Amino acid sequence: MNGIVINYTYSGDEKEWENVVGTFVSALDADTEIGEGFSYIVSKSRESNRRTHIGRWKSQEILTLVQSRDYFKIFAARLKELAGDSLSPEPMAVTVQTQSA
């Protein structure tokens, strides 16, 4: 399984941020073609303005499908606007995980 970790800081309007990430996650959940082939977790630090997103996909085909969706293109652009220069994406390869992951 492959994935991405995206780190950034955000200190703007919390409702706007929640709307942007919530809309994206809802669109992923509603996309029946993706099924369980793509997962996405969004978190924020309790002690700072640091945000982290973790995306994982089962195949390159699933990733290509997600990236072709309008909701992904809108989300990517909005996230870049919100995070600015602090946006730091890093590709990852999952090497070990629990059975429930």
PDB file of N, CA and C in Angstrom:
ATOM      1  N   MET A   1       0.855  -1.180   0.000  1.00  0.00           N
ATOM      2  CA  MET A   1       0.000   0.000   0.000  1.00  0.00           C
ATOM      3  C   MET A   1       0.895   1.235   0.000  1.00  0.00           C
ATOM      4  N   ASN A   2       0.494   2.217  -0.763  1.00  0.00           N
ATOM      5  CA  ASN A   2       1.224   3.474  -0.834  1.00  0.00           C
ATOM      6  C   ASN A   2       0.390   4.580  -0.230  1.00  0.00           C
ATOM      7  N   GLY A   3       1.035   5.697   0.015  1.00  0.00           N
ATOM      8  CA  GLY A   3       0.301   6.800   0.609  1.00  0.00           C
ATOM      9  C   GLY A   3       1.065   8.094   0.570  1.00  0.00           C
ATOM     10  N   ILE A   4       0.511   9.052   1.305  1.00  0.00           N
ATOM     11  CA  ILE A   4       1.112  10.373   1.414  1.00  0.00           C
ATOM     12  C   ILE A   4       0.821  10.920   2.810  1.00  0.00           C
ATOM     13  N   VAL A   5       1.783  11.631   3.344  1.00  0.00           N
ATOM     14  CA  VAL A   5       1.599  12.374   4.585  1.00  0.00           C
ATOM     15  C   VAL A   5       1.761  13.842   4.227  1.00  0.00           C
ATOM     16  N   ILE A   6       0.780  14.641   4.608  1.00  0.00           N
ATOM     17  CA  ILE A   6       0.811  16.074   4.325  1.00  0.00           C
ATOM     18  C   ILE A   6       0.789  16.810   5.657  1.00  0.00           C
ATOM     19  N   ASN A   7       1.804  17.608   5.893  1.00  0.00           N
ATOM     20  CA  ASN A   7       1.884  18.418   7.106  1.00  0.00           C
ATOM     21  C   ASN A   7       1.841  19.890   6.727  1.00  0.00           C
ATOM     22  N   TYR A   8       1.223  20.687   7.589  1.00  0.00           N
ATOM     23  CA  TYR A   8       1.187  22.137   7.385  1.00  0.00           C
ATOM     24  C   TYR A   8       0.691  22.800   8.653  1.00  0.00           C
ATOM     25  N   THR A   9       0.780  24.109   8.672  1.00  0.00           N
ATOM     26  CA  THR A   9       0.204  24.876   9.765  1.00  0.00           C
ATOM     27  C   THR A   9      -0.956  25.708   9.214  1.00  0.00           C
ATOM     28  N   TYR A  10      -1.952  25.910  10.068  1.00  0.00           N
ATOM     29  CA  TYR A  10      -3.104  26.717   9.685  1.00  0.00           C
ATOM     30  C   TYR A  10      -3.630  27.412  10.929  1.00  0.00           C
ATOM     31  N   SER A  11      -3.773  28.722  10.849  1.00  0.00           N
ATOM     32  CA  SER A  11      -4.285  29.483  11.994  1.00  0.00           C
ATOM     33  C   SER A  11      -5.461  30.370  11.607  1.00  0.00           C
ATOM     34  N   GLY A  12      -6.089  30.045  10.475  1.00  0.00           N
ATOM     35  CA  GLY A  12      -7.213  30.843  10.005  1.00  0.00           C
ATOM     36  C   GLY A  12      -8.532  30.413  10.610  1.00  0.00           C
ATOM     37  N   ASP A  13      -9.593  30.707   9.893  1.00  0.00           N
ATOM     38  CA  ASP A  13     -10.950  30.401  10.323  1.00  0.00           C
ATOM     39  C   ASP A  13     -11.150  28.888  10.426  1.00  0.00           C
ATOM     40  N   GLU A  14     -11.430  28.428  11.633  1.00  0.00           N
ATOM     41  CA  GLU A  14     -11.562  26.989  11.886  1.00  0.00           C
ATOM     42  C   GLU A  14     -12.756  26.386  11.136  1.00  0.00           C
ATOM     43  N   LYS A  15     -13.848  27.107  11.065  1.00  0.00           N
ATOM     44  CA  LYS A  15     -15.030  26.604  10.349  1.00  0.00           C
ATOM     45  C   LYS A  15     -14.729  26.428   8.862  1.00  0.00           C
ATOM     46  N   GLU A  16     -13.998  27.351   8.271  1.00  0.00           N
ATOM     47  CA  GLU A  16     -13.628  27.239   6.861  1.00  0.00           C
ATOM     48  C   GLU A  16     -12.776  25.991   6.644  1.00  0.00           C
ATOM     49  N   TRP A  17     -11.782  25.772   7.501  1.00  0.00           N
ATOM     50  CA  TRP A  17     -10.919  24.604   7.387  1.00  0.00           C
ATOM     51  C   TRP A  17     -11.730  23.313   7.526  1.00  0.00           C
ATOM     52  N   GLU A  18     -12.592  23.265   8.537  1.00  0.00           N
ATOM     53  CA  GLU A  18     -13.422  22.078   8.747  1.00  0.00           C
ATOM     54  C   GLU A  18     -14.318  21.813   7.543  1.00  0.00           C
ATOM     55  N   ASN A  19     -14.845  22.865   6.928  1.00  0.00           N
ATOM     56  CA  ASN A  19     -15.684  22.701   5.752  1.00  0.00           C
ATOM     57  C   ASN A  19     -14.895  22.124   4.577  1.00  0.00           C
ATOM     58  N   VAL A  20     -13.696  22.633   4.360  1.00  0.00           N
ATOM     59  CA  VAL A  20     -12.869  22.168   3.246  1.00  0.00           C
ATOM     60  C   VAL A  20     -12.526  20.688   3.405  1.00  0.00           C
ATOM     61  N   VAL A  21     -12.011  20.307   4.569  1.00  0.00           N
ATOM     62  CA  VAL A  21     -11.617  18.901   4.748  1.00  0.00           C
ATOM     63  C   VAL A  21     -12.840  17.994   4.866  1.00  0.00           C
ATOM     64  N   GLY A  22     -13.891  18.476   5.500  1.00  0.00           N
ATOM     65  CA  GLY A  22     -15.106  17.676   5.633  1.00  0.00           C
ATOM     66  C   GLY A  22     -15.776  17.393   4.304  1.00  0.00           C
ATOM     67  N   THR A  23     -15.804  18.391   3.430  1.00  0.00           N
ATOM     68  CA  THR A  23     -16.387  18.211   2.095  1.00  0.00           C
ATOM     69  C   THR A  23     -15.593  17.177   1.300  1.00  0.00           C
ATOM     70  N   PHE A  24     -14.278  17.236   1.401  1.00  0.00           N
ATOM     71  CA  PHE A  24     -13.434  16.272   0.689  1.00  0.00           C
ATOM     72  C   PHE A  24     -13.647  14.850   1.213  1.00  0.00           C
ATOM     73  N   VAL A  25     -13.619  14.679   2.505  1.00  0.00           N
ATOM     74  CA  VAL A  25     -13.787  13.341   3.083  1.00  0.00           C
ATOM     75  C   VAL A  25     -15.181  12.793   2.760  1.00  0.00           C
ATOM     76  N   SER A  26     -16.191  13.632   2.808  1.00  0.00           N
ATOM     77  CA  SER A  26     -17.548  13.187   2.449  1.00  0.00           C
ATOM     78  C   SER A  26     -17.624  12.753   0.997  1.00  0.00           C
ATOM     79  N   ALA A  27     -16.951  13.470   0.114  1.00  0.00           N
ATOM     80  CA  ALA A  27     -16.933  13.101  -1.310  1.00  0.00           C
ATOM     81  C   ALA A  27     -16.229  11.759  -1.507  1.00  0.00           C
ATOM     82  N   LEU A  28     -15.133  11.545  -0.792  1.00  0.00           N
ATOM     83  CA  LEU A  28     -14.451  10.247  -0.869  1.00  0.00           C
ATOM     84  C   LEU A  28     -15.379   9.129  -0.406  1.00  0.00           C
ATOM     85  N   ASP A  29     -16.044   9.340   0.720  1.00  0.00           N
ATOM     86  CA  ASP A  29     -16.950   8.326   1.259  1.00  0.00           C
ATOM     87  C   ASP A  29     -18.104   8.023   0.309  1.00  0.00           C
ATOM     88  N   ALA A  30     -18.553   9.014  -0.441  1.00  0.00           N
ATOM     89  CA  ALA A  30     -19.688   8.840  -1.348  1.00  0.00           C
ATOM     90  C   ALA A  30     -19.294   8.256  -2.700  1.00  0.00           C
ATOM     91  N   ASP A  31     -18.013   8.203  -2.991  1.00  0.00           N
ATOM     92  CA  ASP A  31     -17.530   7.733  -4.297  1.00  0.00           C
ATOM     93  C   ASP A  31     -17.485   6.207  -4.310  1.00  0.00           C
ATOM     94  N   THR A  32     -18.519   5.597  -4.866  1.00  0.00           N
ATOM     95  CA  THR A  32     -18.648   4.139  -4.848  1.00  0.00           C
ATOM     96  C   THR A  32     -17.619   3.420  -5.715  1.00  0.00           C
ATOM     97  N   GLU A  33     -17.052   4.096  -6.677  1.00  0.00           N
ATOM     98  CA  GLU A  33     -16.027   3.460  -7.514  1.00  0.00           C
ATOM     99  C   GLU A  33     -14.729   3.239  -6.748  1.00  0.00           C
ATOM    100  N   ILE A  34     -14.493   4.042  -5.733  1.00  0.00           N
ATOM    101  CA  ILE A  34     -13.264   3.925  -4.951  1.00  0.00           C
ATOM    102  C   ILE A  34     -13.397   2.847  -3.890  1.00  0.00           C
ATOM    103  N   GLY A  35     -14.585   2.736  -3.309  1.00  0.00           N
ATOM    104  CA  GLY A  35     -14.820   1.724  -2.287  1.00  0.00           C
ATOM    105  C   GLY A  35     -13.824   1.820  -1.152  1.00  0.00           C
ATOM    106  N   GLU A  36     -13.246   0.678  -0.779  1.00  0.00           N
ATOM    107  CA  GLU A  36     -12.276   0.629   0.304  1.00  0.00           C
ATOM    108  C   GLU A  36     -10.852   0.747  -0.203  1.00  0.00           C
ATOM    109  N   GLY A  37     -10.679   1.178  -1.446  1.00  0.00           N
ATOM    110  CA  GLY A  37      -9.351   1.272  -2.034  1.00  0.00           C
ATOM    111  C   GLY A  37      -8.584   2.514  -1.671  1.00  0.00           C
ATOM    112  N   PHE A  38      -9.238   3.471  -0.987  1.00  0.00           N
ATOM    113  CA  PHE A  38      -8.592   4.732  -0.641  1.00  0.00           C
ATOM    114  C   PHE A  38      -9.073   5.145   0.735  1.00  0.00           C
ATOM    115  N   SER A  39      -8.141   5.485   1.611  1.00  0.00           N
ATOM    116  CA  SER A  39      -8.526   5.986   2.933  1.00  0.00           C
ATOM    117  C   SER A  39      -7.832   7.315   3.194  1.00  0.00           C
ATOM    118  N   TYR A  40      -8.453   8.137   4.030  1.00  0.00           N
ATOM    119  CA  TYR A  40      -7.934   9.476   4.294  1.00  0.00           C
ATOM    120  C   TYR A  40      -8.239   9.851   5.727  1.00  0.00           C
ATOM    121  N   ILE A  41      -7.218  10.306   6.432  1.00  0.00           N
ATOM    122  CA  ILE A  41      -7.355  10.725   7.821  1.00  0.00           C
ATOM    123  C   ILE A  41      -6.833  12.155   7.936  1.00  0.00           C
ATOM    124  N   VAL A  42      -7.570  12.996   8.624  1.00  0.00           N
ATOM    125  CA  VAL A  42      -7.161  14.382   8.848  1.00  0.00           C
ATOM    126  C   VAL A  42      -7.107  14.606  10.360  1.00  0.00           C
ATOM    127  N   SER A  43      -6.014  15.201  10.818  1.00  0.00           N
ATOM    128  CA  SER A  43      -5.902  15.476  12.248  1.00  0.00           C
ATOM    129  C   SER A  43      -5.284  16.845  12.469  1.00  0.00           C
ATOM    130  N   LYS A  44      -5.499  17.354  13.686  1.00  0.00           N
ATOM    131  CA  LYS A  44      -4.873  18.615  14.067  1.00  0.00           C
ATOM    132  C   LYS A  44      -4.308  18.465  15.465  1.00  0.00           C
ATOM    133  N   SER A  45      -3.210  19.140  15.684  1.00  0.00           N
ATOM    134  CA  SER A  45      -2.547  19.099  16.979  1.00  0.00           C
ATOM    135  C   SER A  45      -3.418  19.753  18.036  1.00  0.00           C
ATOM    136  N   ARG A  46      -3.360  19.222  19.234  1.00  0.00           N
ATOM    137  CA  ARG A  46      -4.078  19.836  20.352  1.00  0.00           C
ATOM    138  C   ARG A  46      -3.297  21.011  20.935  1.00  0.00           C
ATOM    139  N   GLU A  47      -2.015  21.099  20.569  1.00  0.00           N
ATOM    140  CA  GLU A  47      -1.153  22.088  21.202  1.00  0.00           C
ATOM    141  C   GLU A  47      -0.603  23.151  20.257  1.00  0.00           C
ATOM    142  N   SER A  48      -0.882  23.037  18.953  1.00  0.00           N
ATOM    143  CA  SER A  48      -0.357  24.018  18.008  1.00  0.00           C
ATOM    144  C   SER A  48      -1.295  24.119  16.805  1.00  0.00           C
ATOM    145  N   ASN A  49      -0.883  24.864  15.807  1.00  0.00           N
ATOM    146  CA  ASN A  49      -1.664  25.016  14.575  1.00  0.00           C
ATOM    147  C   ASN A  49      -1.283  23.971  13.530  1.00  0.00           C
ATOM    148  N   ARG A  50      -0.571  22.934  13.920  1.00  0.00           N
ATOM    149  CA  ARG A  50      -0.092  21.903  13.003  1.00  0.00           C
ATOM    150  C   ARG A  50      -1.246  20.987  12.584  1.00  0.00           C
ATOM    151  N   ARG A  51      -1.316  20.704  11.282  1.00  0.00           N
ATOM    152  CA  ARG A  51      -2.330  19.800  10.727  1.00  0.00           C
ATOM    153  C   ARG A  51      -1.609  18.685   9.975  1.00  0.00           C
ATOM    154  N   THR A  52      -2.200  17.494   9.976  1.00  0.00           N
ATOM    155  CA  THR A  52      -1.631  16.351   9.266  1.00  0.00           C
ATOM    156  C   THR A  52      -2.742  15.607   8.546  1.00  0.00           C
ATOM    157  N   HIS A  53      -2.469  15.250   7.304  1.00  0.00           N
ATOM    158  CA  HIS A  53      -3.373  14.424   6.509  1.00  0.00           C
ATOM    159  C   HIS A  53      -2.596  13.167   6.119  1.00  0.00           C
ATOM    160  N   ILE A  54      -3.255  12.023   6.187  1.00  0.00           N
ATOM    161  CA  ILE A  54      -2.640  10.771   5.755  1.00  0.00           C
ATOM    162  C   ILE A  54      -3.593  10.112   4.764  1.00  0.00           C
ATOM    163  N   GLY A  55      -3.131   9.969   3.544  1.00  0.00           N
ATOM    164  CA  GLY A  55      -3.898   9.287   2.512  1.00  0.00           C
ATOM    165  C   GLY A  55      -3.224   7.971   2.169  1.00  0.00           C
ATOM    166  N   ARG A  56      -4.030   6.920   1.971  1.00  0.00           N
ATOM    167  CA  ARG A  56      -3.484   5.615   1.580  1.00  0.00           C
ATOM    168  C   ARG A  56      -4.346   5.023   0.481  1.00  0.00           C
ATOM    169  N   TRP A  57      -3.717   4.348  -0.464  1.00  0.00           N
ATOM    170  CA  TRP A  57      -4.448   3.732  -1.567  1.00  0.00           C
ATOM    171  C   TRP A  57      -3.858   2.374  -1.898  1.00  0.00           C
ATOM    172  N   LYS A  58      -4.733   1.497  -2.390  1.00  0.00           N
ATOM    173  CA  LYS A  58      -4.344   0.112  -2.659  1.00  0.00           C
ATOM    174  C   LYS A  58      -3.636  -0.070  -3.984  1.00  0.00           C
ATOM    175  N   SER A  59      -3.850   0.850  -4.938  1.00  0.00           N
ATOM    176  CA  SER A  59      -3.217   0.690  -6.248  1.00  0.00           C
ATOM    177  C   SER A  59      -3.061   2.048  -6.929  1.00  0.00           C
ATOM    178  N   GLN A  60      -2.188   2.094  -7.901  1.00  0.00           N
ATOM    179  CA  GLN A  60      -2.005   3.316  -8.678  1.00  0.00           C
ATOM    180  C   GLN A  60      -3.288   3.679  -9.418  1.00  0.00           C
ATOM    181  N   GLU A  61      -4.048   2.688  -9.832  1.00  0.00           N
ATOM    182  CA  GLU A  61      -5.314   2.935 -10.524  1.00  0.00           C
ATOM    183  C   GLU A  61      -6.303   3.675  -9.631  1.00  0.00           C
ATOM    184  N   ILE A  62      -6.356   3.285  -8.362  1.00  0.00           N
ATOM    185  CA  ILE A  62      -7.249   3.972  -7.414  1.00  0.00           C
ATOM    186  C   ILE A  62      -6.802   5.421  -7.230  1.00  0.00           C
ATOM    187  N   LEU A  63      -5.497   5.633  -7.066  1.00  0.00           N
ATOM    188  CA  LEU A  63      -4.992   6.993  -6.902  1.00  0.00           C
ATOM    189  C   LEU A  63      -5.310   7.837  -8.131  1.00  0.00           C
ATOM    190  N   THR A  64      -5.090   7.290  -9.303  1.00  0.00           N
ATOM    191  CA  THR A  64      -5.377   8.010 -10.549  1.00  0.00           C
ATOM    192  C   THR A  64      -6.859   8.363 -10.632  1.00  0.00           C
ATOM    193  N   LEU A  65      -7.715   7.443 -10.231  1.00  0.00           N
ATOM    194  CA  LEU A  65      -9.159   7.690 -10.236  1.00  0.00           C
ATOM    195  C   LEU A  65      -9.511   8.840  -9.289  1.00  0.00           C
ATOM    196  N   VAL A  66      -8.976   8.795  -8.075  1.00  0.00           N
ATOM    197  CA  VAL A  66      -9.252   9.872  -7.105  1.00  0.00           C
ATOM    198  C   VAL A  66      -8.761  11.204  -7.651  1.00  0.00           C
ATOM    199  N   GLN A  67      -7.550  11.226  -8.178  1.00  0.00           N
ATOM    200  CA  GLN A  67      -6.987  12.480  -8.685  1.00  0.00           C
ATOM    201  C   GLN A  67      -7.733  13.022  -9.895  1.00  0.00           C
ATOM    202  N   SER A  68      -8.490  12.185 -10.579  1.00  0.00           N
ATOM    203  CA  SER A  68      -9.248  12.644 -11.747  1.00  0.00           C
ATOM    204  C   SER A  68     -10.577  13.299 -11.366  1.00  0.00           C
ATOM    205  N   ARG A  69     -10.989  13.125 -10.138  1.00  0.00           N
ATOM    206  CA  ARG A  69     -12.278  13.649  -9.689  1.00  0.00           C
ATOM    207  C   ARG A  69     -12.223  15.164  -9.473  1.00  0.00           C
ATOM    208  N   ASP A  70     -13.316  15.830  -9.804  1.00  0.00           N
ATOM    209  CA  ASP A  70     -13.401  17.274  -9.569  1.00  0.00           C
ATOM    210  C   ASP A  70     -13.249  17.604  -8.092  1.00  0.00           C
ATOM    211  N   TYR A  71     -13.848  16.788  -7.212  1.00  0.00           N
ATOM    212  CA  TYR A  71     -13.750  17.080  -5.783  1.00  0.00           C
ATOM    213  C   TYR A  71     -12.302  17.051  -5.303  1.00  0.00           C
ATOM    214  N   PHE A  72     -11.459  16.199  -5.886  1.00  0.00           N
ATOM    215  CA  PHE A  72     -10.044  16.167  -5.512  1.00  0.00           C
ATOM    216  C   PHE A  72      -9.336  17.433  -5.978  1.00  0.00           C
ATOM    217  N   LYS A  73      -9.601  17.841  -7.207  1.00  0.00           N
ATOM    218  CA  LYS A  73      -8.951  19.031  -7.758  1.00  0.00           C
ATOM    219  C   LYS A  73      -9.314  20.273  -6.953  1.00  0.00           C
ATOM    220  N   ILE A  74     -10.583  20.381  -6.566  1.00  0.00           N
ATOM    221  CA  ILE A  74     -11.028  21.511  -5.752  1.00  0.00           C
ATOM    222  C   ILE A  74     -10.353  21.468  -4.385  1.00  0.00           C
ATOM    223  N   PHE A  75     -10.331  20.298  -3.767  1.00  0.00           N
ATOM    224  CA  PHE A  75      -9.710  20.152  -2.452  1.00  0.00           C
ATOM    225  C   PHE A  75      -8.221  20.494  -2.486  1.00  0.00           C
ATOM    226  N   ALA A  76      -7.502  19.984  -3.464  1.00  0.00           N
ATOM    227  CA  ALA A  76      -6.061  20.239  -3.561  1.00  0.00           C
ATOM    228  C   ALA A  76      -5.784  21.737  -3.677  1.00  0.00           C
ATOM    229  N   ALA A  77      -6.574  22.424  -4.477  1.00  0.00           N
ATOM    230  CA  ALA A  77      -6.394  23.870  -4.646  1.00  0.00           C
ATOM    231  C   ALA A  77      -6.714  24.621  -3.357  1.00  0.00           C
ATOM    232  N   ARG A  78      -7.798  24.246  -2.698  1.00  0.00           N
ATOM    233  CA  ARG A  78      -8.203  24.927  -1.458  1.00  0.00           C
ATOM    234  C   ARG A  78      -7.201  24.669  -0.337  1.00  0.00           C
ATOM    235  N   LEU A  79      -6.692  23.425  -0.258  1.00  0.00           N
ATOM    236  CA  LEU A  79      -5.719  23.112   0.778  1.00  0.00           C
ATOM    237  C   LEU A  79      -4.453  23.934   0.581  1.00  0.00           C
ATOM    238  N   LYS A  80      -4.037  24.082  -0.657  1.00  0.00           N
ATOM    239  CA  LYS A  80      -2.857  24.904  -0.948  1.00  0.00           C
ATOM    240  C   LYS A  80      -3.100  26.355  -0.534  1.00  0.00           C
ATOM    241  N   GLU A  81      -4.304  26.862  -0.778  1.00  0.00           N
ATOM    242  CA  GLU A  81      -4.645  28.223  -0.356  1.00  0.00           C
ATOM    243  C   GLU A  81      -4.597  28.360   1.166  1.00  0.00           C
ATOM    244  N   LEU A  82      -5.158  27.385   1.867  1.00  0.00           N
ATOM    245  CA  LEU A  82      -5.221  27.448   3.331  1.00  0.00           C
ATOM    246  C   LEU A  82      -3.847  27.292   3.974  1.00  0.00           C
ATOM    247  N   ALA A  83      -3.040  26.390   3.444  1.00  0.00           N
ATOM    248  CA  ALA A  83      -1.752  26.063   4.063  1.00  0.00           C
ATOM    249  C   ALA A  83      -0.630  26.976   3.604  1.00  0.00           C
ATOM    250  N   GLY A  84      -0.751  27.529   2.409  1.00  0.00           N
ATOM    251  CA  GLY A  84       0.302  28.405   1.893  1.00  0.00           C
ATOM    252  C   GLY A  84       1.633  27.697   1.773  1.00  0.00           C
ATOM    253  N   ASP A  85       2.692  28.410   2.106  1.00  0.00           N
ATOM    254  CA  ASP A  85       4.043  27.872   1.982  1.00  0.00           C
ATOM    255  C   ASP A  85       4.363  26.785   3.002  1.00  0.00           C
ATOM    256  N   SER A  86       3.524  26.601   4.005  1.00  0.00           N
ATOM    257  CA  SER A  86       3.811  25.589   5.025  1.00  0.00           C
ATOM    258  C   SER A  86       3.451  24.172   4.568  1.00  0.00           C
ATOM    259  N   LEU A  87       2.765  24.049   3.433  1.00  0.00           N
ATOM    260  CA  LEU A  87       2.325  22.743   2.925  1.00  0.00           C
ATOM    261  C   LEU A  87       3.535  21.872   2.608  1.00  0.00           C
ATOM    262  N   SER A  88       3.573  20.677   3.207  1.00  0.00           N
ATOM    263  CA  SER A  88       4.708  19.780   3.042  1.00  0.00           C
ATOM    264  C   SER A  88       4.228  18.349   2.815  1.00  0.00           C
ATOM    265  N   PRO A  89       3.981  17.967   1.538  1.00  0.00           N
ATOM    266  CA  PRO A  89       3.569  16.592   1.256  1.00  0.00           C
ATOM    267  C   PRO A  89       4.788  15.674   1.126  1.00  0.00           C
ATOM    268  N   GLU A  90       4.637  14.439   1.599  1.00  0.00           N
ATOM    269  CA  GLU A  90       5.718  13.466   1.502  1.00  0.00           C
ATOM    270  C   GLU A  90       5.141  12.092   1.160  1.00  0.00           C
ATOM    271  N   PRO A  91       5.516  11.538   0.010  1.00  0.00           N
ATOM    272  CA  PRO A  91       5.051  10.196  -0.350  1.00  0.00           C
ATOM    273  C   PRO A  91       5.559   9.168   0.656  1.00  0.00           C
ATOM    274  N   MET A  92       4.789   8.111   0.849  1.00  0.00           N
ATOM    275  CA  MET A  92       5.204   7.056   1.766  1.00  0.00           C
ATOM    276  C   MET A  92       4.799   5.697   1.209  1.00  0.00           C
ATOM    277  N   ALA A  93       5.465   4.678   1.685  1.00  0.00           N
ATOM    278  CA  ALA A  93       5.119   3.299   1.386  1.00  0.00           C
ATOM    279  C   ALA A  93       4.870   2.607   2.715  1.00  0.00           C
ATOM    280  N   VAL A  94       3.706   2.001   2.881  1.00  0.00           N
ATOM    281  CA  VAL A  94       3.388   1.299   4.105  1.00  0.00           C
ATOM    282  C   VAL A  94       4.164  -0.020   4.102  1.00  0.00           C
ATOM    283  N   THR A  95       4.932  -0.253   5.156  1.00  0.00           N
ATOM    284  CA  THR A  95       5.727  -1.472   5.221  1.00  0.00           C
ATOM    285  C   THR A  95       5.196  -2.476   6.233  1.00  0.00           C
ATOM    286  N   VAL A  96       4.596  -1.988   7.323  1.00  0.00           N
ATOM    287  CA  VAL A  96       4.030  -2.847   8.357  1.00  0.00           C
ATOM    288  C   VAL A  96       2.798  -2.148   8.895  1.00  0.00           C
ATOM    289  N   GLN A  97       1.743  -2.925   9.163  1.00  0.00           N
ATOM    290  CA  GLN A  97       0.540  -2.338   9.728  1.00  0.00           C
ATOM    291  C   GLN A  97      -0.221  -3.395  10.516  1.00  0.00           C
ATOM    292  N   THR A  98      -1.128  -2.949  11.369  1.00  0.00           N
ATOM    293  CA  THR A  98      -1.968  -3.877  12.111  1.00  0.00           C
ATOM    294  C   THR A  98      -2.988  -4.503  11.169  1.00  0.00           C
ATOM    295  N   GLN A  99      -3.586  -5.590  11.589  1.00  0.00           N
ATOM    296  CA  GLN A  99      -4.580  -6.259  10.750  1.00  0.00           C
ATOM    297  C   GLN A  99      -5.801  -5.396  10.507  1.00  0.00           C
ATOM    298  N   SER A 100      -6.144  -4.553  11.443  1.00  0.00           N
ATOM    299  CA  SER A 100      -7.353  -3.729  11.307  1.00  0.00           C
ATOM    300  C   SER A 100      -7.144  -2.463  10.496  1.00  0.00           C
ATOM    301  N   ALA A 101      -5.917  -2.188  10.082  1.00  0.00           N
ATOM    302  CA  ALA A 101      -5.633  -0.929   9.353  1.00  0.00           C
ATOM    303  C   ALA A 101      -6.197  -0.922   7.963  1.00  0.00           C
TER     304      ALA A 101
END
